[in-house]
Amino acid sequence: GATETLTNLARPSSMVSGRALCPVSGNGAPDCKAAADKLC
Protein backbone atom coordinates (compact mmCIF):
# COMPACT_ATOMS: atom_id res chain seq x y z
CA GLY A 1 0.00 0.00 0.00
CA ALA A 2 2.80 2.44 0.84
CA THR A 3 4.61 1.67 -2.41
CA GLU A 4 1.46 2.26 -4.45
CA THR A 5 0.76 5.52 -2.63
CA LEU A 6 4.29 6.82 -3.18
CA THR A 7 4.19 5.81 -6.82
CA ASN A 8 0.93 7.68 -7.31
CA LEU A 9 2.14 10.76 -5.46
CA ALA A 10 5.58 10.99 -7.01
CA ARG A 11 5.51 13.01 -10.13
CA PRO A 12 8.65 13.51 -12.14
CA SER A 13 10.46 16.40 -10.53
CA SER A 14 13.89 17.84 -10.79
CA MET A 15 15.97 20.37 -8.97
CA VAL A 16 17.21 23.27 -11.05
CA SER A 17 19.52 26.08 -10.15
CA GLY A 18 19.76 29.60 -11.46
CA ARG A 19 18.87 33.06 -10.27
CA ALA A 20 15.37 34.54 -10.49
CA LEU A 21 14.34 37.83 -8.88
CA CYS A 22 11.42 37.63 -6.43
CA PRO A 23 8.99 40.41 -7.40
CA VAL A 24 7.61 42.62 -4.64
CA SER A 25 3.96 41.89 -3.89
CA GLY A 26 1.28 44.41 -2.91
CA ASN A 27 2.09 44.21 0.79
CA GLY A 28 5.82 44.83 0.23
CA ALA A 29 6.98 41.25 0.81
CA PRO A 30 8.88 39.32 -1.87
CA ASP A 31 6.83 36.80 -3.92
CA CYS A 32 9.31 33.97 -4.31
CA LYS A 33 6.71 31.45 -5.55
CA ALA A 34 6.47 33.47 -8.76
CA ALA A 35 10.29 33.52 -9.01
CA ALA A 36 10.49 29.74 -8.51
CA ASP A 37 7.84 29.23 -11.20
CA LYS A 38 9.77 31.50 -13.59
CA LEU A 39 13.05 29.68 -12.88
CA CYS A 40 11.40 26.31 -13.60
ModelCIF file with pLDDT and N, C-alpha, C, O atoms, coordinates in Angstrom:
data_MODEL
#
_entry.id   MODEL 
#
_entity.id                         1 
_entity.type                       polymer 
_entity.pdbx_number_of_molecules   1 
#
_entity_poly.entity_id                      1 
_entity_poly.type                           'polypeptide(L)' 
_entity_poly.nstd_linkage                   no 
_entity_poly.nstd_monomer                   no 
_entity_poly.pdbx_seq_one_letter_code       GATETLTNLARPSSMVSGRALCPVSGNGAPDCKAAADKLC 
_entity_poly.pdbx_seq_one_letter_code_can   GATETLTNLARPSSMVSGRALCPVSGNGAPDCKAAADKLC 
_entity_poly.pdbx_strand_id                 A 
#
loop_
_entity_poly_seq.entity_id 
_entity_poly_seq.num 
_entity_poly_seq.mon_id 
_entity_poly_seq.hetero 
1 1  GLY n 
1 2  ALA n 
1 3  THR n 
1 4  GLU n 
1 5  THR n 
1 6  LEU n 
1 7  THR n 
1 8  ASN n 
1 9  LEU n 
1 10 ALA n 
1 11 ARG n 
1 12 PRO n 
1 13 SER n 
1 14 SER n 
1 15 MET n 
1 16 VAL n 
1 17 SER n 
1 18 GLY n 
1 19 ARG n 
1 20 ALA n 
1 21 LEU n 
1 22 CYS n 
1 23 PRO n 
1 24 VAL n 
1 25 SER n 
1 26 GLY n 
1 27 ASN n 
1 28 GLY n 
1 29 ALA n 
1 30 PRO n 
1 31 ASP n 
1 32 CYS n 
1 33 LYS n 
1 34 ALA n 
1 35 ALA n 
1 36 ALA n 
1 37 ASP n 
1 38 LYS n 
1 39 LEU n 
1 40 CYS n 
#
_struct_asym.id          A 
_struct_asym.entity_id   1 
#
loop_
_ma_qa_metric.id 
_ma_qa_metric.mode 
_ma_qa_metric.name 
_ma_qa_metric.software_group_id 
_ma_qa_metric.type 
1 global pLDDT . pLDDT 
2 local  pLDDT . pLDDT 
#
_ma_qa_metric_global.metric_id      1 
_ma_qa_metric_global.metric_value   83.00 
_ma_qa_metric_global.model_id       1 
_ma_qa_metric_global.ordinal_id     1 
#
loop_
_ma_qa_metric_local.label_asym_id 
_ma_qa_metric_local.label_comp_id 
_ma_qa_metric_local.label_seq_id 
_ma_qa_metric_local.metric_id 
_ma_qa_metric_local.metric_value 
_ma_qa_metric_local.model_id 
_ma_qa_metric_local.ordinal_id 
A GLY 1  2 80.00 1 1  
A ALA 2  2 80.00 1 2  
A THR 3  2 78.00 1 3  
A GLU 4  2 74.00 1 4  
A THR 5  2 70.00 1 5  
A LEU 6  2 68.00 1 6  
A THR 7  2 64.00 1 7  
A ASN 8  2 56.00 1 8  
A LEU 9  2 58.00 1 9  
A ALA 10 2 55.00 1 10 
A ARG 11 2 56.00 1 11 
A PRO 12 2 62.00 1 12 
A SER 13 2 70.00 1 13 
A SER 14 2 85.00 1 14 
A MET 15 2 89.00 1 15 
A VAL 16 2 91.00 1 16 
A SER 17 2 90.00 1 17 
A GLY 18 2 92.00 1 18 
A ARG 19 2 92.00 1 19 
A ALA 20 2 93.00 1 20 
A LEU 21 2 93.00 1 21 
A CYS 22 2 93.00 1 22 
A PRO 23 2 92.00 1 23 
A VAL 24 2 90.00 1 24 
A SER 25 2 89.00 1 25 
A GLY 26 2 88.00 1 26 
A ASN 27 2 90.00 1 27 
A GLY 28 2 85.00 1 28 
A ALA 29 2 88.00 1 29 
A PRO 30 2 90.00 1 30 
A ASP 31 2 90.00 1 31 
A CYS 32 2 91.00 1 32 
A LYS 33 2 92.00 1 33 
A ALA 34 2 92.00 1 34 
A ALA 35 2 93.00 1 35 
A ALA 36 2 93.00 1 36 
A ASP 37 2 93.00 1 37 
A LYS 38 2 92.00 1 38 
A LEU 39 2 92.00 1 39 
A CYS 40 2 91.00 1 40 
#
loop_
_atom_site.group_PDB 
_atom_site.id 
_atom_site.type_symbol 
_atom_site.label_atom_id 
_atom_site.label_alt_id 
_atom_site.label_comp_id 
_atom_site.label_asym_id 
_atom_site.label_entity_id 
_atom_site.label_seq_id 
_atom_site.pdbx_PDB_ins_code 
_atom_site.Cartn_x 
_atom_site.Cartn_y 
_atom_site.Cartn_z 
_atom_site.occupancy 
_atom_site.B_iso_or_equiv 
_atom_site.pdbx_formal_charge 
_atom_site.auth_seq_id 
_atom_site.auth_comp_id 
_atom_site.auth_asym_id 
_atom_site.auth_atom_id 
_atom_site.pdbx_PDB_model_num 
ATOM 1   N N  . GLY A 1 1  ? 0.816  -1.212 0.000   1.00 80.00 ? 1  GLY A N  1 
ATOM 2   C CA . GLY A 1 1  ? 0.000  0.000  0.000   1.00 80.00 ? 1  GLY A CA 1 
ATOM 3   C C  . GLY A 1 1  ? 0.848  1.261  0.000   1.00 80.00 ? 1  GLY A C  1 
ATOM 4   O O  . GLY A 1 1  ? 0.536  2.223  -0.702  1.00 80.00 ? 1  GLY A O  1 
ATOM 5   N N  . ALA A 1 2  ? 1.921  1.260  0.785   1.00 80.00 ? 2  ALA A N  1 
ATOM 6   C CA . ALA A 1 2  ? 2.795  2.436  0.842   1.00 80.00 ? 2  ALA A CA 1 
ATOM 7   C C  . ALA A 1 2  ? 3.501  2.649  -0.493  1.00 80.00 ? 2  ALA A C  1 
ATOM 8   O O  . ALA A 1 2  ? 3.652  3.784  -0.944  1.00 80.00 ? 2  ALA A O  1 
ATOM 9   N N  . THR A 1 3  ? 3.930  1.561  -1.124  1.00 78.00 ? 3  THR A N  1 
ATOM 10  C CA . THR A 1 3  ? 4.606  1.673  -2.415  1.00 78.00 ? 3  THR A CA 1 
ATOM 11  C C  . THR A 1 3  ? 3.662  2.235  -3.472  1.00 78.00 ? 3  THR A C  1 
ATOM 12  O O  . THR A 1 3  ? 4.048  3.095  -4.263  1.00 78.00 ? 3  THR A O  1 
ATOM 13  N N  . GLU A 1 4  ? 2.441  1.751  -3.481  1.00 74.00 ? 4  GLU A N  1 
ATOM 14  C CA . GLU A 1 4  ? 1.464  2.258  -4.454  1.00 74.00 ? 4  GLU A CA 1 
ATOM 15  C C  . GLU A 1 4  ? 1.176  3.731  -4.218  1.00 74.00 ? 4  GLU A C  1 
ATOM 16  O O  . GLU A 1 4  ? 1.074  4.506  -5.169  1.00 74.00 ? 4  GLU A O  1 
ATOM 17  N N  . THR A 1 5  ? 1.043  4.124  -2.946  1.00 70.00 ? 5  THR A N  1 
ATOM 18  C CA . THR A 1 5  ? 0.761  5.525  -2.630  1.00 70.00 ? 5  THR A CA 1 
ATOM 19  C C  . THR A 1 5  ? 1.905  6.420  -3.073  1.00 70.00 ? 5  THR A C  1 
ATOM 20  O O  . THR A 1 5  ? 1.679  7.469  -3.676  1.00 70.00 ? 5  THR A O  1 
ATOM 21  N N  . LEU A 1 6  ? 3.137  6.009  -2.776  1.00 68.00 ? 6  LEU A N  1 
ATOM 22  C CA . LEU A 1 6  ? 4.289  6.820  -3.175  1.00 68.00 ? 6  LEU A CA 1 
ATOM 23  C C  . LEU A 1 6  ? 4.419  6.887  -4.693  1.00 68.00 ? 6  LEU A C  1 
ATOM 24  O O  . LEU A 1 6  ? 4.796  7.925  -5.238  1.00 68.00 ? 6  LEU A O  1 
ATOM 25  N N  . THR A 1 7  ? 4.115  5.804  -5.367  1.00 64.00 ? 7  THR A N  1 
ATOM 26  C CA . THR A 1 7  ? 4.185  5.810  -6.824  1.00 64.00 ? 7  THR A CA 1 
ATOM 27  C C  . THR A 1 7  ? 3.159  6.773  -7.405  1.00 64.00 ? 7  THR A C  1 
ATOM 28  O O  . THR A 1 7  ? 3.443  7.485  -8.368  1.00 64.00 ? 7  THR A O  1 
ATOM 29  N N  . ASN A 1 8  ? 1.972  6.791  -6.820  1.00 56.00 ? 8  ASN A N  1 
ATOM 30  C CA . ASN A 1 8  ? 0.927  7.682  -7.315  1.00 56.00 ? 8  ASN A CA 1 
ATOM 31  C C  . ASN A 1 8  ? 1.239  9.137  -7.000  1.00 56.00 ? 8  ASN A C  1 
ATOM 32  O O  . ASN A 1 8  ? 0.923  10.025 -7.791  1.00 56.00 ? 8  ASN A O  1 
ATOM 33  N N  . LEU A 1 9  ? 1.855  9.385  -5.851  1.00 58.00 ? 9  LEU A N  1 
ATOM 34  C CA . LEU A 1 9  ? 2.141  10.761 -5.457  1.00 58.00 ? 9  LEU A CA 1 
ATOM 35  C C  . LEU A 1 9  ? 3.354  11.336 -6.173  1.00 58.00 ? 9  LEU A C  1 
ATOM 36  O O  . LEU A 1 9  ? 3.396  12.528 -6.477  1.00 58.00 ? 9  LEU A O  1 
ATOM 37  N N  . ALA A 1 10 ? 4.326  10.499 -6.438  1.00 55.00 ? 10 ALA A N  1 
ATOM 38  C CA . ALA A 1 10 ? 5.577  10.995 -7.008  1.00 55.00 ? 10 ALA A CA 1 
ATOM 39  C C  . ALA A 1 10 ? 5.383  11.329 -8.474  1.00 55.00 ? 10 ALA A C  1 
ATOM 40  O O  . ALA A 1 10 ? 5.115  10.465 -9.309  1.00 55.00 ? 10 ALA A O  1 
ATOM 41  N N  . ARG A 1 11 ? 5.522  12.576 -8.748  1.00 56.00 ? 11 ARG A N  1 
ATOM 42  C CA . ARG A 1 11 ? 5.510  13.011 -10.133 1.00 56.00 ? 11 ARG A CA 1 
ATOM 43  C C  . ARG A 1 11 ? 6.948  13.311 -10.511 1.00 56.00 ? 11 ARG A C  1 
ATOM 44  O O  . ARG A 1 11 ? 7.760  13.636 -9.644  1.00 56.00 ? 11 ARG A O  1 
ATOM 45  N N  . PRO A 1 12 ? 7.272  13.210 -11.775 1.00 62.00 ? 12 PRO A N  1 
ATOM 46  C CA . PRO A 1 12 ? 8.648  13.505 -12.140 1.00 62.00 ? 12 PRO A CA 1 
ATOM 47  C C  . PRO A 1 12 ? 8.994  14.936 -11.734 1.00 62.00 ? 12 PRO A C  1 
ATOM 48  O O  . PRO A 1 12 ? 8.324  15.889 -12.134 1.00 62.00 ? 12 PRO A O  1 
ATOM 49  N N  . SER A 1 13 ? 10.027 15.064 -10.951 1.00 70.00 ? 13 SER A N  1 
ATOM 50  C CA . SER A 1 13 ? 10.463 16.396 -10.535 1.00 70.00 ? 13 SER A CA 1 
ATOM 51  C C  . SER A 1 13 ? 11.968 16.452 -10.597 1.00 70.00 ? 13 SER A C  1 
ATOM 52  O O  . SER A 1 13 ? 12.654 15.430 -10.566 1.00 70.00 ? 13 SER A O  1 
ATOM 53  N N  . SER A 1 14 ? 12.462 17.663 -10.684 1.00 85.00 ? 14 SER A N  1 
ATOM 54  C CA . SER A 1 14 ? 13.891 17.839 -10.794 1.00 85.00 ? 14 SER A CA 1 
ATOM 55  C C  . SER A 1 14 ? 14.278 19.132 -10.110 1.00 85.00 ? 14 SER A C  1 
ATOM 56  O O  . SER A 1 14 ? 13.505 20.089 -10.066 1.00 85.00 ? 14 SER A O  1 
ATOM 57  N N  . MET A 1 15 ? 15.480 19.144 -9.580  1.00 89.00 ? 15 MET A N  1 
ATOM 58  C CA . MET A 1 15 ? 15.972 20.368 -8.968  1.00 89.00 ? 15 MET A CA 1 
ATOM 59  C C  . MET A 1 15 ? 16.771 21.137 -10.015 1.00 89.00 ? 15 MET A C  1 
ATOM 60  O O  . MET A 1 15 ? 17.627 20.581 -10.704 1.00 89.00 ? 15 MET A O  1 
ATOM 61  N N  . VAL A 1 16 ? 16.474 22.413 -10.113 1.00 91.00 ? 16 VAL A N  1 
ATOM 62  C CA . VAL A 1 16 ? 17.206 23.267 -11.049 1.00 91.00 ? 16 VAL A CA 1 
ATOM 63  C C  . VAL A 1 16 ? 17.844 24.395 -10.252 1.00 91.00 ? 16 VAL A C  1 
ATOM 64  O O  . VAL A 1 16 ? 17.384 24.749 -9.166  1.00 91.00 ? 16 VAL A O  1 
ATOM 65  N N  . SER A 1 17 ? 18.886 24.939 -10.798 1.00 90.00 ? 17 SER A N  1 
ATOM 66  C CA . SER A 1 17 ? 19.524 26.083 -10.153 1.00 90.00 ? 17 SER A CA 1 
ATOM 67  C C  . SER A 1 17 ? 19.604 27.225 -11.154 1.00 90.00 ? 17 SER A C  1 
ATOM 68  O O  . SER A 1 17 ? 19.557 27.011 -12.365 1.00 90.00 ? 17 SER A O  1 
ATOM 69  N N  . GLY A 1 18 ? 19.720 28.397 -10.652 1.00 92.00 ? 18 GLY A N  1 
ATOM 70  C CA . GLY A 1 18 ? 19.756 29.603 -11.462 1.00 92.00 ? 18 GLY A CA 1 
ATOM 71  C C  . GLY A 1 18 ? 19.590 30.792 -10.535 1.00 92.00 ? 18 GLY A C  1 
ATOM 72  O O  . GLY A 1 18 ? 19.912 30.726 -9.349  1.00 92.00 ? 18 GLY A O  1 
ATOM 73  N N  . ARG A 1 19 ? 19.086 31.869 -11.090 1.00 92.00 ? 19 ARG A N  1 
ATOM 74  C CA . ARG A 1 19 ? 18.869 33.065 -10.266 1.00 92.00 ? 19 ARG A CA 1 
ATOM 75  C C  . ARG A 1 19 ? 17.677 33.803 -10.842 1.00 92.00 ? 19 ARG A C  1 
ATOM 76  O O  . ARG A 1 19 ? 17.730 34.320 -11.958 1.00 92.00 ? 19 ARG A O  1 
ATOM 77  N N  . ALA A 1 20 ? 16.577 33.848 -10.052 1.00 93.00 ? 20 ALA A N  1 
ATOM 78  C CA . ALA A 1 20 ? 15.366 34.540 -10.492 1.00 93.00 ? 20 ALA A CA 1 
ATOM 79  C C  . ALA A 1 20 ? 14.962 35.534 -9.417  1.00 93.00 ? 20 ALA A C  1 
ATOM 80  O O  . ALA A 1 20 ? 14.885 35.178 -8.241  1.00 93.00 ? 20 ALA A O  1 
ATOM 81  N N  . LEU A 1 21 ? 14.706 36.767 -9.804  1.00 93.00 ? 21 LEU A N  1 
ATOM 82  C CA . LEU A 1 21 ? 14.342 37.831 -8.879  1.00 93.00 ? 21 LEU A CA 1 
ATOM 83  C C  . LEU A 1 21 ? 12.923 37.624 -8.365  1.00 93.00 ? 21 LEU A C  1 
ATOM 84  O O  . LEU A 1 21 ? 12.003 37.376 -9.144  1.00 93.00 ? 21 LEU A O  1 
ATOM 85  N N  . CYS A 1 22 ? 12.749 37.727 -7.038  1.00 93.00 ? 22 CYS A N  1 
ATOM 86  C CA . CYS A 1 22 ? 11.417 37.628 -6.434  1.00 93.00 ? 22 CYS A CA 1 
ATOM 87  C C  . CYS A 1 22 ? 10.760 39.003 -6.551  1.00 93.00 ? 22 CYS A C  1 
ATOM 88  O O  . CYS A 1 22 ? 11.257 39.969 -5.972  1.00 93.00 ? 22 CYS A O  1 
ATOM 89  N N  . PRO A 1 23 ? 9.650  39.109 -7.290  1.00 92.00 ? 23 PRO A N  1 
ATOM 90  C CA . PRO A 1 23 ? 8.991  40.412 -7.403  1.00 92.00 ? 23 PRO A CA 1 
ATOM 91  C C  . PRO A 1 23 ? 8.363  40.821 -6.073  1.00 92.00 ? 23 PRO A C  1 
ATOM 92  O O  . PRO A 1 23 ? 8.032  39.969 -5.248  1.00 92.00 ? 23 PRO A O  1 
ATOM 93  N N  . VAL A 1 24 ? 8.203  42.113 -5.870  1.00 90.00 ? 24 VAL A N  1 
ATOM 94  C CA . VAL A 1 24 ? 7.614  42.624 -4.642  1.00 90.00 ? 24 VAL A CA 1 
ATOM 95  C C  . VAL A 1 24 ? 6.104  42.583 -4.800  1.00 90.00 ? 24 VAL A C  1 
ATOM 96  O O  . VAL A 1 24 ? 5.561  43.081 -5.786  1.00 90.00 ? 24 VAL A O  1 
ATOM 97  N N  . SER A 1 25 ? 5.429  41.986 -3.821  1.00 89.00 ? 25 SER A N  1 
ATOM 98  C CA . SER A 1 25 ? 3.964  41.888 -3.889  1.00 89.00 ? 25 SER A CA 1 
ATOM 99  C C  . SER A 1 25 ? 3.339  43.176 -3.350  1.00 89.00 ? 25 SER A C  1 
ATOM 100 O O  . SER A 1 25 ? 4.047  44.102 -2.955  1.00 89.00 ? 25 SER A O  1 
ATOM 101 N N  . GLY A 1 26 ? 2.028  43.223 -3.339  1.00 88.00 ? 26 GLY A N  1 
ATOM 102 C CA . GLY A 1 26 ? 1.276  44.407 -2.913  1.00 88.00 ? 26 GLY A CA 1 
ATOM 103 C C  . GLY A 1 26 ? 1.556  44.819 -1.472  1.00 88.00 ? 26 GLY A C  1 
ATOM 104 O O  . GLY A 1 26 ? 1.498  46.006 -1.151  1.00 88.00 ? 26 GLY A O  1 
ATOM 105 N N  . ASN A 1 27 ? 1.855  43.873 -0.612  1.00 90.00 ? 27 ASN A N  1 
ATOM 106 C CA . ASN A 1 27 ? 2.093  44.212 0.793   1.00 90.00 ? 27 ASN A CA 1 
ATOM 107 C C  . ASN A 1 27 ? 3.565  44.516 1.080   1.00 90.00 ? 27 ASN A C  1 
ATOM 108 O O  . ASN A 1 27 ? 3.928  44.770 2.228   1.00 90.00 ? 27 ASN A O  1 
ATOM 109 N N  . GLY A 1 28 ? 4.408  44.493 0.057   1.00 85.00 ? 28 GLY A N  1 
ATOM 110 C CA . GLY A 1 28 ? 5.818  44.832 0.227   1.00 85.00 ? 28 GLY A CA 1 
ATOM 111 C C  . GLY A 1 28 ? 6.718  43.635 0.443   1.00 85.00 ? 28 GLY A C  1 
ATOM 112 O O  . GLY A 1 28 ? 7.938  43.795 0.470   1.00 85.00 ? 28 GLY A O  1 
ATOM 113 N N  . ALA A 1 29 ? 6.178  42.464 0.595   1.00 88.00 ? 29 ALA A N  1 
ATOM 114 C CA . ALA A 1 29 ? 6.976  41.253 0.813   1.00 88.00 ? 29 ALA A CA 1 
ATOM 115 C C  . ALA A 1 29 ? 7.371  40.653 -0.533  1.00 88.00 ? 29 ALA A C  1 
ATOM 116 O O  . ALA A 1 29 ? 6.658  40.842 -1.519  1.00 88.00 ? 29 ALA A O  1 
ATOM 117 N N  . PRO A 1 30 ? 8.481  39.941 -0.595  1.00 90.00 ? 30 PRO A N  1 
ATOM 118 C CA . PRO A 1 30 ? 8.879  39.318 -1.869  1.00 90.00 ? 30 PRO A CA 1 
ATOM 119 C C  . PRO A 1 30 ? 7.998  38.107 -2.186  1.00 90.00 ? 30 PRO A C  1 
ATOM 120 O O  . PRO A 1 30 ? 7.650  37.343 -1.286  1.00 90.00 ? 30 PRO A O  1 
ATOM 121 N N  . ASP A 1 31 ? 7.639  37.931 -3.456  1.00 90.00 ? 31 ASP A N  1 
ATOM 122 C CA . ASP A 1 31 ? 6.825  36.801 -3.918  1.00 90.00 ? 31 ASP A CA 1 
ATOM 123 C C  . ASP A 1 31 ? 7.754  35.800 -4.590  1.00 90.00 ? 31 ASP A C  1 
ATOM 124 O O  . ASP A 1 31 ? 7.955  35.835 -5.803  1.00 90.00 ? 31 ASP A O  1 
ATOM 125 N N  . CYS A 1 32 ? 8.313  34.912 -3.785  1.00 91.00 ? 32 CYS A N  1 
ATOM 126 C CA . CYS A 1 32 ? 9.306  33.971 -4.305  1.00 91.00 ? 32 CYS A CA 1 
ATOM 127 C C  . CYS A 1 32 ? 8.678  32.774 -5.002  1.00 91.00 ? 32 CYS A C  1 
ATOM 128 O O  . CYS A 1 32 ? 9.379  32.067 -5.727  1.00 91.00 ? 32 CYS A O  1 
ATOM 129 N N  . LYS A 1 33 ? 7.393  32.517 -4.816  1.00 92.00 ? 33 LYS A N  1 
ATOM 130 C CA . LYS A 1 33 ? 6.712  31.451 -5.553  1.00 92.00 ? 33 LYS A CA 1 
ATOM 131 C C  . LYS A 1 33 ? 6.723  31.784 -7.039  1.00 92.00 ? 33 LYS A C  1 
ATOM 132 O O  . LYS A 1 33 ? 6.967  30.914 -7.875  1.00 92.00 ? 33 LYS A O  1 
ATOM 133 N N  . ALA A 1 34 ? 6.457  33.044 -7.364  1.00 92.00 ? 34 ALA A N  1 
ATOM 134 C CA . ALA A 1 34 ? 6.474  33.469 -8.764  1.00 92.00 ? 34 ALA A CA 1 
ATOM 135 C C  . ALA A 1 34 ? 7.885  33.336 -9.344  1.00 92.00 ? 34 ALA A C  1 
ATOM 136 O O  . ALA A 1 34 ? 8.043  32.962 -10.506 1.00 92.00 ? 34 ALA A O  1 
ATOM 137 N N  . ALA A 1 35 ? 8.913  33.642 -8.538  1.00 93.00 ? 35 ALA A N  1 
ATOM 138 C CA . ALA A 1 35 ? 10.290 33.525 -9.013  1.00 93.00 ? 35 ALA A CA 1 
ATOM 139 C C  . ALA A 1 35 ? 10.657 32.061 -9.231  1.00 93.00 ? 35 ALA A C  1 
ATOM 140 O O  . ALA A 1 35 ? 11.340 31.738 -10.203 1.00 93.00 ? 35 ALA A O  1 
ATOM 141 N N  . ALA A 1 36 ? 10.218 31.169 -8.345  1.00 93.00 ? 36 ALA A N  1 
ATOM 142 C CA . ALA A 1 36 ? 10.492 29.738 -8.513  1.00 93.00 ? 36 ALA A CA 1 
ATOM 143 C C  . ALA A 1 36 ? 9.790  29.213 -9.759  1.00 93.00 ? 36 ALA A C  1 
ATOM 144 O O  . ALA A 1 36 ? 10.370 28.428 -10.510 1.00 93.00 ? 36 ALA A O  1 
ATOM 145 N N  . ASP A 1 37 ? 8.560  29.634 -9.986  1.00 93.00 ? 37 ASP A N  1 
ATOM 146 C CA . ASP A 1 37 ? 7.841  29.229 -11.197 1.00 93.00 ? 37 ASP A CA 1 
ATOM 147 C C  . ASP A 1 37 ? 8.585  29.700 -12.449 1.00 93.00 ? 37 ASP A C  1 
ATOM 148 O O  . ASP A 1 37 ? 8.728  28.944 -13.411 1.00 93.00 ? 37 ASP A O  1 
ATOM 149 N N  . LYS A 1 38 ? 9.059  30.955 -12.435 1.00 92.00 ? 38 LYS A N  1 
ATOM 150 C CA . LYS A 1 38 ? 9.769  31.497 -13.594 1.00 92.00 ? 38 LYS A CA 1 
ATOM 151 C C  . LYS A 1 38 ? 11.071 30.741 -13.825 1.00 92.00 ? 38 LYS A C  1 
ATOM 152 O O  . LYS A 1 38 ? 11.411 30.441 -14.970 1.00 92.00 ? 38 LYS A O  1 
ATOM 153 N N  . LEU A 1 39 ? 11.806 30.428 -12.757 1.00 92.00 ? 39 LEU A N  1 
ATOM 154 C CA . LEU A 1 39 ? 13.052 29.683 -12.885 1.00 92.00 ? 39 LEU A CA 1 
ATOM 155 C C  . LEU A 1 39 ? 12.799 28.307 -13.502 1.00 92.00 ? 39 LEU A C  1 
ATOM 156 O O  . LEU A 1 39 ? 13.559 27.863 -14.362 1.00 92.00 ? 39 LEU A O  1 
ATOM 157 N N  . CYS A 1 40 ? 11.736 27.634 -13.066 1.00 91.00 ? 40 CYS A N  1 
ATOM 158 C CA . CYS A 1 40 ? 11.404 26.307 -13.602 1.00 91.00 ? 40 CYS A CA 1 
ATOM 159 C C  . CYS A 1 40 ? 10.902 26.394 -15.037 1.00 91.00 ? 40 CYS A C  1 
ATOM 160 O O  . CYS A 1 40 ? 10.578 25.371 -15.641 1.00 91.00 ? 40 CYS A O  1 
#
